[in-house]
Every structure is written in structure tokens, then in C-alpha cells.
C-alpha atoms as a PDB file:
ATOM      1  CA  MET A   1     123.570  74.113 101.146  1.00  0.00           C
ATOM      2  CA  ASN A   2     125.260  77.308  99.983  1.00  0.00           C
ATOM      3  CA  TRP A   3     126.807  78.563  96.758  1.00  0.00           C
ATOM      4  CA  ASN A   4     130.294  77.337  97.672  1.00  0.00           C
ATOM      5  CA  LYS A   5     128.970  73.778  97.653  1.00  0.00           C
ATOM      6  CA  ILE A   6     127.805  74.070  94.035  1.00  0.00           C
ATOM      7  CA  THR A   7     130.253  72.929  91.382  1.00  0.00           C
ATOM      8  CA  VAL A   8     130.703  74.243  87.865  1.00  0.00           C
ATOM      9  CA  ARG A   9     129.309  70.942  86.588  1.00  0.00           C
ATOM     10  CA  GLN A  10     126.132  71.334  88.634  1.00  0.00           C
ATOM     11  CA  TYR A  11     125.595  74.911  87.522  1.00  0.00           C
ATOM     12  CA  GLN A  12     126.022  73.933  83.883  1.00  0.00           C
ATOM     13  CA  ASP A  13     123.367  71.257  84.427  1.00  0.00           C
ATOM     14  CA  MET A  14     121.105  73.805  86.131  1.00  0.00           C
ATOM     15  CA  LEU A  15     121.334  76.517  83.501  1.00  0.00           C
ATOM     16  CA  PRO A  16     119.272  74.904  80.705  1.00  0.00           C
ATOM     17  CA  ILE A  17     116.516  74.236  83.245  1.00  0.00           C
ATOM     18  CA  ILE A  18     116.538  77.803  84.572  1.00  0.00           C
ATOM     19  CA  GLU A  19     116.430  79.175  81.016  1.00  0.00           C
ATOM     20  CA  ASN A  20     113.691  76.798  79.813  1.00  0.00           C
ATOM     21  CA  GLU A  21     110.541  78.907  79.477  1.00  0.00           C
ATOM     22  CA  SER A  22     108.302  75.848  79.131  1.00  0.00           C
ATOM     23  CA  PHE A  23     108.824  74.985  82.814  1.00  0.00           C
ATOM     24  CA  THR A  24     106.905  76.664  85.603  1.00  0.00           C
ATOM     25  CA  ASP A  25     108.944  78.298  88.372  1.00  0.00           C
ATOM     26  CA  LEU A  26     108.084  75.400  90.666  1.00  0.00           C
ATOM     27  CA  ASP A  27     109.117  72.852  88.032  1.00  0.00           C
ATOM     28  CA  LYS A  28     112.451  74.615  87.654  1.00  0.00           C
ATOM     29  CA  LEU A  29     112.966  74.720  91.389  1.00  0.00           C
ATOM     30  CA  VAL A  30     112.245  71.010  91.829  1.00  0.00           C
ATOM     31  CA  LYS A  31     114.548  70.017  88.956  1.00  0.00           C
ATOM     32  CA  VAL A  32     117.357  72.224  90.282  1.00  0.00           C
ATOM     33  CA  ILE A  33     116.981  70.661  93.730  1.00  0.00           C
ATOM     34  CA  CYS A  34     117.307  67.230  92.151  1.00  0.00           C
ATOM     35  CA  ILE A  35     120.599  68.257  90.540  1.00  0.00           C
ATOM     36  CA  LEU A  36     121.968  69.708  93.761  1.00  0.00           C
ATOM     37  CA  THR A  37     120.857  66.942  96.107  1.00  0.00           C
ATOM     38  CA  GLY A  38     120.714  63.808  93.972  1.00  0.00           C
ATOM     39  CA  LYS A  39     117.109  63.292  95.077  1.00  0.00           C
ATOM     40  CA  SER A  40     114.365  62.181  92.700  1.00  0.00           C
ATOM     41  CA  GLU A  41     111.519  64.513  91.747  1.00  0.00           C
ATOM     42  CA  ASP A  42     109.097  62.298  93.677  1.00  0.00           C
ATOM     43  CA  GLU A  43     111.216  62.705  96.802  1.00  0.00           C
ATOM     44  CA  VAL A  44     111.438  66.474  96.431  1.00  0.00           C
ATOM     45  CA  ASP A  45     107.682  66.705  95.763  1.00  0.00           C
ATOM     46  CA  SER A  46     107.126  65.284  99.251  1.00  0.00           C
ATOM     47  CA  TRP A  47     109.173  68.056 100.902  1.00  0.00           C
ATOM     48  CA  PRO A  48     107.476  70.894 102.800  1.00  0.00           C
ATOM     49  CA  LEU A  49     107.190  74.008 100.624  1.00  0.00           C
ATOM     50  CA  GLU A  50     109.324  75.938 103.100  1.00  0.00           C
ATOM     51  CA  LYS A  51     112.225  73.553 102.517  1.00  0.00           C
ATOM     52  CA  VAL A  52     111.807  73.727  98.740  1.00  0.00           C
ATOM     53  CA  ASN A  53     111.843  77.524  98.813  1.00  0.00           C
ATOM     54  CA  GLU A  54     115.227  77.529 100.544  1.00  0.00           C
ATOM     55  CA  TYR A  55     116.746  76.672  97.175  1.00  0.00           C
ATOM     56  CA  LYS A  56     115.421  79.793  95.435  1.00  0.00           C
ATOM     57  CA  GLN A  57     118.704  81.496  96.317  1.00  0.00           C
ATOM     58  CA  PHE A  58     120.372  79.528  93.526  1.00  0.00           C
ATOM     59  CA  PHE A  59     118.390  81.371  90.881  1.00  0.00           C
ATOM     60  CA  GLU A  60     120.388  84.532  91.655  1.00  0.00           C
ATOM     61  CA  PHE A  61     124.142  85.100  91.875  1.00  0.00           C
ATOM     62  CA  ASP A  62     123.879  85.783  95.561  1.00  0.00           C
ATOM     63  CA  PHE A  63     127.465  85.058  96.532  1.00  0.00           C
ATOM     64  CA  LYS A  64     130.459  87.142  97.517  1.00  0.00           C
ATOM     65  CA  LYS A  65     132.380  88.621  94.585  1.00  0.00           C
ATOM     66  CA  GLU A  66     135.729  87.572  95.976  1.00  0.00           C
ATOM     67  CA  VAL A  67     138.611  86.487  93.792  1.00  0.00           C
ATOM     68  CA  LYS A  68     140.730  83.781  95.356  1.00  0.00           C
ATOM     69  CA  ARG A  69     144.198  82.748  94.333  1.00  0.00           C
ATOM     70  CA  ARG A  70     144.094  78.987  94.518  1.00  0.00           C
ATOM     71  CA  VAL A  71     141.701  76.058  94.500  1.00  0.00           C
ATOM     72  CA  LYS A  72     142.033  72.410  95.438  1.00  0.00           C
ATOM     73  CA  VAL A  73     139.959  70.038  93.339  1.00  0.00           C
ATOM     74  CA  LYS A  74     140.206  66.273  93.009  1.00  0.00           C
ATOM     75  CA  GLY A  75     143.295  66.390  95.217  1.00  0.00           C
ATOM     76  CA  LYS A  76     145.044  68.738  92.793  1.00  0.00           C
ATOM     77  CA  TYR A  77     145.968  72.401  93.197  1.00  0.00           C
ATOM     78  CA  TYR A  78     145.481  75.132  90.628  1.00  0.00           C
ATOM     79  CA  ARG A  79     146.688  78.725  90.951  1.00  0.00           C
ATOM     80  CA  VAL A  80     145.014  81.541  89.029  1.00  0.00           C
ATOM     81  CA  ASN A  81     147.515  83.275  86.758  1.00  0.00           C
ATOM     82  CA  TRP A  82     147.081  87.062  86.759  1.00  0.00           C
ATOM     83  CA  GLN A  83     150.207  87.784  84.705  1.00  0.00           C
ATOM     84  CA  ILE A  84     148.357  88.511  81.484  1.00  0.00           C
ATOM     85  CA  GLU A  85     151.421  89.947  79.775  1.00  0.00           C
ATOM     86  CA  LYS A  86     153.210  86.588  80.092  1.00  0.00           C
ATOM     87  CA  LEU A  87     150.447  84.486  78.593  1.00  0.00           C
ATOM     88  CA  PRO A  88     151.317  82.865  75.259  1.00  0.00           C
ATOM     89  CA  ALA A  89     149.222  83.892  72.263  1.00  0.00           C
ATOM     90  CA  ALA A  90     147.480  80.515  72.199  1.00  0.00           C
ATOM     91  CA  ARG A  91     145.829  81.270  75.537  1.00  0.00           C
ATOM     92  CA  TYR A  92     144.325  84.493  74.162  1.00  0.00           C
ATOM     93  CA  ILE A  93     142.997  82.555  71.200  1.00  0.00           C
ATOM     94  CA  GLU A  94     141.438  80.050  73.611  1.00  0.00           C
ATOM     95  CA  ALA A  95     139.783  82.919  75.482  1.00  0.00           C
ATOM     96  CA  LYS A  96     138.298  84.205  72.214  1.00  0.00           C
ATOM     97  CA  THR A  97     136.874  80.759  71.472  1.00  0.00           C
ATOM     98  CA  PHE A  98     135.470  80.077  74.930  1.00  0.00           C
ATOM     99  CA  THR A  99     133.940  83.524  75.498  1.00  0.00           C
ATOM    100  CA  GLY A 100     132.449  83.731  72.029  1.00  0.00           C
ATOM    101  CA  ASP A 101     130.764  80.330  72.228  1.00  0.00           C
ATOM    102  CA  GLY A 102     128.956  80.910  75.516  1.00  0.00           C
ATOM    103  CA  MET A 103     130.807  81.655  78.719  1.00  0.00           C
ATOM    104  CA  PHE A 104     128.837  79.421  81.071  1.00  0.00           C
ATOM    105  CA  LYS A 105     128.949  76.401  78.797  1.00  0.00           C
ATOM    106  CA  ASN A 106     132.717  76.773  78.550  1.00  0.00           C
ATOM    107  CA  LEU A 107     133.431  78.182  81.999  1.00  0.00           C
ATOM    108  CA  HIS A 108     135.666  75.255  82.979  1.00  0.00           C
ATOM    109  CA  ARG A 109     137.606  75.539  79.712  1.00  0.00           C
ATOM    110  CA  LEU A 110     138.076  79.272  80.093  1.00  0.00           C
ATOM    111  CA  MET A 111     139.262  78.686  83.649  1.00  0.00           C
ATOM    112  CA  ALA A 112     141.728  76.078  82.419  1.00  0.00           C
ATOM    113  CA  SER A 113     143.309  78.824  80.315  1.00  0.00           C
ATOM    114  CA  CYS A 114     143.691  81.033  83.403  1.00  0.00           C
ATOM    115  CA  VAL A 115     145.399  78.626  85.800  1.00  0.00           C
ATOM    116  CA  ILE A 116     148.768  77.068  86.535  1.00  0.00           C
ATOM    117  CA  PRO A 117     148.830  73.546  88.035  1.00  0.00           C
ATOM    118  CA  GLN A 118     150.695  73.347  91.337  1.00  0.00           C
ATOM    119  CA  LYS A 119     152.040  70.818  93.777  1.00  0.00           C
ATOM    120  CA  LYS A 120     152.103  71.234  97.540  1.00  0.00           C
ATOM    121  CA  ILE A 121     155.068  70.208  99.663  1.00  0.00           C
ATOM    122  CA  LEU A 122     154.507  70.689 103.375  1.00  0.00           C
ATOM    123  CA  PHE A 123     153.156  74.260 103.650  1.00  0.00           C
ATOM    124  CA  PHE A 124     154.512  75.500 100.307  1.00  0.00           C
ATOM    125  CA  TYR A 125     153.074  75.544  96.794  1.00  0.00           C
ATOM    126  CA  PHE A 126     155.193  75.164  93.675  1.00  0.00           C
ATOM    127  CA  ASP A 127     154.142  75.827  90.101  1.00  0.00           C
ATOM    128  CA  LYS A 128     154.214  72.919  87.687  1.00  0.00           C
ATOM    129  CA  LYS A 129     154.706  73.421  83.980  1.00  0.00           C
ATOM    130  CA  TYR A 130     151.514  74.271  82.117  1.00  0.00           C
ATOM    131  CA  ASN A 131     151.083  71.677  79.392  1.00  0.00           C
ATOM    132  CA  ALA A 132     148.810  72.937  76.623  1.00  0.00           C
ATOM    133  CA  ALA A 133     148.119  69.342  75.609  1.00  0.00           C
ATOM    134  CA  ASP A 134     146.520  68.815  79.037  1.00  0.00           C
ATOM    135  CA  HIS A 135     144.151  71.771  78.728  1.00  0.00           C
ATOM    136  CA  GLU A 136     141.064  69.571  78.520  1.00  0.00           C
ATOM    137  CA  LYS A 137     142.300  67.528  81.478  1.00  0.00           C
ATOM    138  CA  TYR A 138     142.636  70.686  83.555  1.00  0.00           C
ATOM    139  CA  ALA A 139     139.185  71.762  82.385  1.00  0.00           C
ATOM    140  CA  THR A 140     137.664  68.421  83.395  1.00  0.00           C
ATOM    141  CA  ASP A 141     139.169  68.767  86.873  1.00  0.00           C
ATOM    142  CA  LEU A 142     137.733  72.280  87.186  1.00  0.00           C
ATOM    143  CA  LEU A 143     134.217  71.048  86.458  1.00  0.00           C
ATOM    144  CA  ASP A 144     134.216  69.940  90.094  1.00  0.00           C
ATOM    145  CA  ALA A 145     135.568  73.222  91.472  1.00  0.00           C
ATOM    146  CA  PRO A 146     133.202  75.533  93.408  1.00  0.00           C
ATOM    147  CA  PHE A 147     131.186  77.610  90.956  1.00  0.00           C
ATOM    148  CA  PRO A 148     131.752  80.976  92.740  1.00  0.00           C
ATOM    149  CA  PHE A 149     135.525  80.483  92.703  1.00  0.00           C
ATOM    150  CA  VAL A 150     135.593  79.741  88.975  1.00  0.00           C
ATOM    151  CA  TYR A 151     133.044  82.380  88.006  1.00  0.00           C
ATOM    152  CA  ASN A 152     134.714  85.174  89.981  1.00  0.00           C
ATOM    153  CA  ALA A 153     138.182  84.233  88.763  1.00  0.00           C
ATOM    154  CA  CYS A 154     137.075  84.051  85.113  1.00  0.00           C
ATOM    155  CA  VAL A 155     135.236  87.366  85.211  1.00  0.00           C
ATOM    156  CA  PHE A 156     138.174  89.083  86.877  1.00  0.00           C
ATOM    157  CA  PHE A 157     140.598  87.468  84.424  1.00  0.00           C
ATOM    158  CA  CYS A 158     138.438  88.725  81.550  1.00  0.00           C
ATOM    159  CA  SER A 159     138.375  92.240  82.995  1.00  0.00           C
ATOM    160  CA  VAL A 160     142.170  92.295  83.255  1.00  0.00           C
ATOM    161  CA  LEU A 161     142.518  90.804  79.771  1.00  0.00           C
ATOM    162  CA  MET A 162     140.161  93.404  78.309  1.00  0.00           C
ATOM    163  CA  VAL A 163     142.304  96.238  79.680  1.00  0.00           C
ATOM    164  CA  SER A 164     145.428  94.674  78.166  1.00  0.00           C
ATOM    165  CA  ILE A 165     143.964  94.349  74.676  1.00  0.00           C
ATOM    166  CA  LYS A 166     144.281  98.074  73.977  1.00  0.00           C
ATOM    167  CA  ASP A 167     148.017  97.913  74.588  1.00  0.00           C
ATOM    168  CA  ILE A 168     148.345  94.758  72.511  1.00  0.00           C
ATOM    169  CA  LEU A 169     146.585  96.347  69.534  1.00  0.00           C
ATOM    170  CA  SER A 170     148.954  99.313  69.627  1.00  0.00           C
ATOM    171  CA  TYR A 171     152.103  97.180  69.816  1.00  0.00           C
ATOM    172  CA  SER A 172     152.405  95.092  66.660  1.00  0.00           C
ATOM    173  CA  GLY A 173     155.695  93.570  67.765  1.00  0.00           C
ATOM    174  CA  LYS A 174     153.892  91.391  70.284  1.00  0.00           C
ATOM    175  CA  GLU A 175     153.766  87.684  69.540  1.00  0.00           C
ATOM    176  CA  LEU A 176     150.018  87.870  69.891  1.00  0.00           C
ATOM    177  CA  ALA A 177     149.686  90.551  67.241  1.00  0.00           C
ATOM    178  CA  LYS A 178     151.455  88.243  64.803  1.00  0.00           C
ATOM    179  CA  GLN A 179     148.973  85.411  65.417  1.00  0.00           C
ATOM    180  CA  MET A 180     145.680  87.242  65.880  1.00  0.00           C
ATOM    181  CA  LYS A 181     144.205  89.852  63.577  1.00  0.00           C
ATOM    182  CA  SER A 182     143.178  93.191  65.030  1.00  0.00           C
ATOM    183  CA  GLN A 183     139.574  92.386  64.189  1.00  0.00           C
ATOM    184  CA  ASP A 184     139.800  89.148  66.201  1.00  0.00           C
ATOM    185  CA  LEU A 185     141.066  91.086  69.197  1.00  0.00           C
ATOM    186  CA  LYS A 186     138.231  93.584  68.846  1.00  0.00           C
ATOM    187  CA  ILE A 187     135.704  90.739  68.780  1.00  0.00           C
ATOM    188  CA  LEU A 188     137.351  89.262  71.870  1.00  0.00           C
ATOM    189  CA  SER A 189     137.165  92.652  73.548  1.00  0.00           C
ATOM    190  CA  GLN A 190     133.433  92.874  72.821  1.00  0.00           C
ATOM    191  CA  SER A 191     132.883  89.385  74.274  1.00  0.00           C
ATOM    192  CA  LEU A 192     134.853  90.293  77.373  1.00  0.00           C
ATOM    193  CA  GLN A 193     132.866  93.516  77.770  1.00  0.00           C
ATOM    194  CA  SER A 194     129.586  91.590  77.805  1.00  0.00           C
ATOM    195  CA  ILE A 195     130.979  89.252  80.453  1.00  0.00           C
ATOM    196  CA  THR A 196     132.396  91.925  82.715  1.00  0.00           C
ATOM    197  CA  ASP A 197     129.510  94.421  82.547  1.00  0.00           C
ATOM    198  CA  GLY A 198     128.452  95.231  86.080  1.00  0.00           C
ATOM    199  CA  PHE A 199     131.490  93.572  87.617  1.00  0.00           C
ATOM    200  CA  THR A 200     133.756  96.145  89.266  1.00  0.00           C
ATOM    201  CA  PRO A 201     136.443  94.302  91.182  1.00  0.00           C
ATOM    202  CA  GLN A 202     138.601  95.839  93.856  1.00  0.00           C
ATOM    203  CA  PRO A 203     142.339  96.172  93.247  1.00  0.00           C
ATOM    204  CA  LEU A 204     143.975  92.793  92.866  1.00  0.00           C
ATOM    205  CA  SER A 205     146.112  93.229  95.966  1.00  0.00           C
ATOM    206  CA  GLN A 206     142.983  93.666  98.077  1.00  0.00           C
ATOM    207  CA  ILE A 207     140.802  90.872  96.768  1.00  0.00           C
ATOM    208  CA  MET A 208     143.184  87.977  96.295  1.00  0.00           C
ATOM    209  CA  LYS A 209     142.603  85.454  99.044  1.00  0.00           C
ATOM    210  CA  GLU A 210     143.978  82.045  99.817  1.00  0.00           C
ATOM    211  CA  SER A 211     141.293  79.421  99.295  1.00  0.00           C
ATOM    212  CA  VAL A 212     143.222  76.507 100.780  1.00  0.00           C
END
């Protein structure tokens, strides 16, 4: 198993175990293996230690920091939307909510604010209309997307959004400025900074890849 086989749902199930200080390292490892494999703890306890230790890689973000353009999940296609300046104000407000209340817990919801649903006809992809009422439906789909895809896309989205906030604050005519107070934007900026610390992406033109 590798990181690209781990879904957002699985990582969200893993995180409370990894962060639980009452568990020993071996307890954590066994419980994480159960989440990733569907095996019982009794089954995993019978494994050779060498096999158990292979799963230690999932305690570190040891995957390629590569931002991809599109993902297929549950037979549906979603394209990451990098055009920050065209996002409606409501999407910024969603980002403030989802980053401020714990990024990992809300990773799928944050991602749902960053994507456009698509349909594929032959070898071509066409954008569908983003329906704000279906946000939670999109988010539920993205729970089963590969964790590295969603994590990398969200962090990069946040880094781009953070850069745009300065311009938004200085341009009160923006729709966003009418709906969000300057203080709210500053709080959002602080949340985004904590998320993007240590993440230095390459230029967008270089790192965008096709995932399907």
C-alpha cells in the first residue's frame, strides 16, 4: 500500500488515533493498519513485525507534493479551480469556516469549495455548473478521493488565496469586501498561513498534472 491508496476518509479516521497520547506507538500502528486494511486487531497482531513496520510510513507525510488538476471519484470528475479572483464571496466565507475549525477534519469540505464538477465525453472534459446547494454532496464524494491529491490541492489553494487577500483588503469595491469584514479576512489569512507554512509550491504552470 502507498499514500495514493489512502482516502481522505481513512486519514480522518487515522488522525485521532495518531494524536491519542494514551496509545503506545505499537497500539497506534496496529489500529491504523486496521483502518487501512479492514483487518481486525487480532489478525494484525499475528503479522510478522517486519510487515507491521511497513505501515510506519503513514505516520509522516512522505508523499510527493504535486498538485494535480483533476480527480475521478465515485465515477465522477472534479477539476480544481485555481481562478481565485472569480470565486464568489460565499466560497471565501466557506474557506474561513473550514480552515478555522480544523483543516483535516474539514479537508473534504474545503476541497469541495475549490472544485468544479465535470463531465467527460470521449476524451474531453466539460465543466458543469457549481451548485452551492450541493456543496455537502461534493464533499461527501471527496471523502473517497486520494488523500495526497486533496491535501496538496487544498494547501496550494490556500497559498494562492492567502496571496489574493491583500489585494481584496485594499479594494473595497469587491463583492467580497461587502460581505466580509476586514477583520474576518485577517483571521482567514492567519488560518491560511498556519496551513501553508513550510509548503513552497512550484509555479502553477509547472506543477499542474493530469490525474486521469
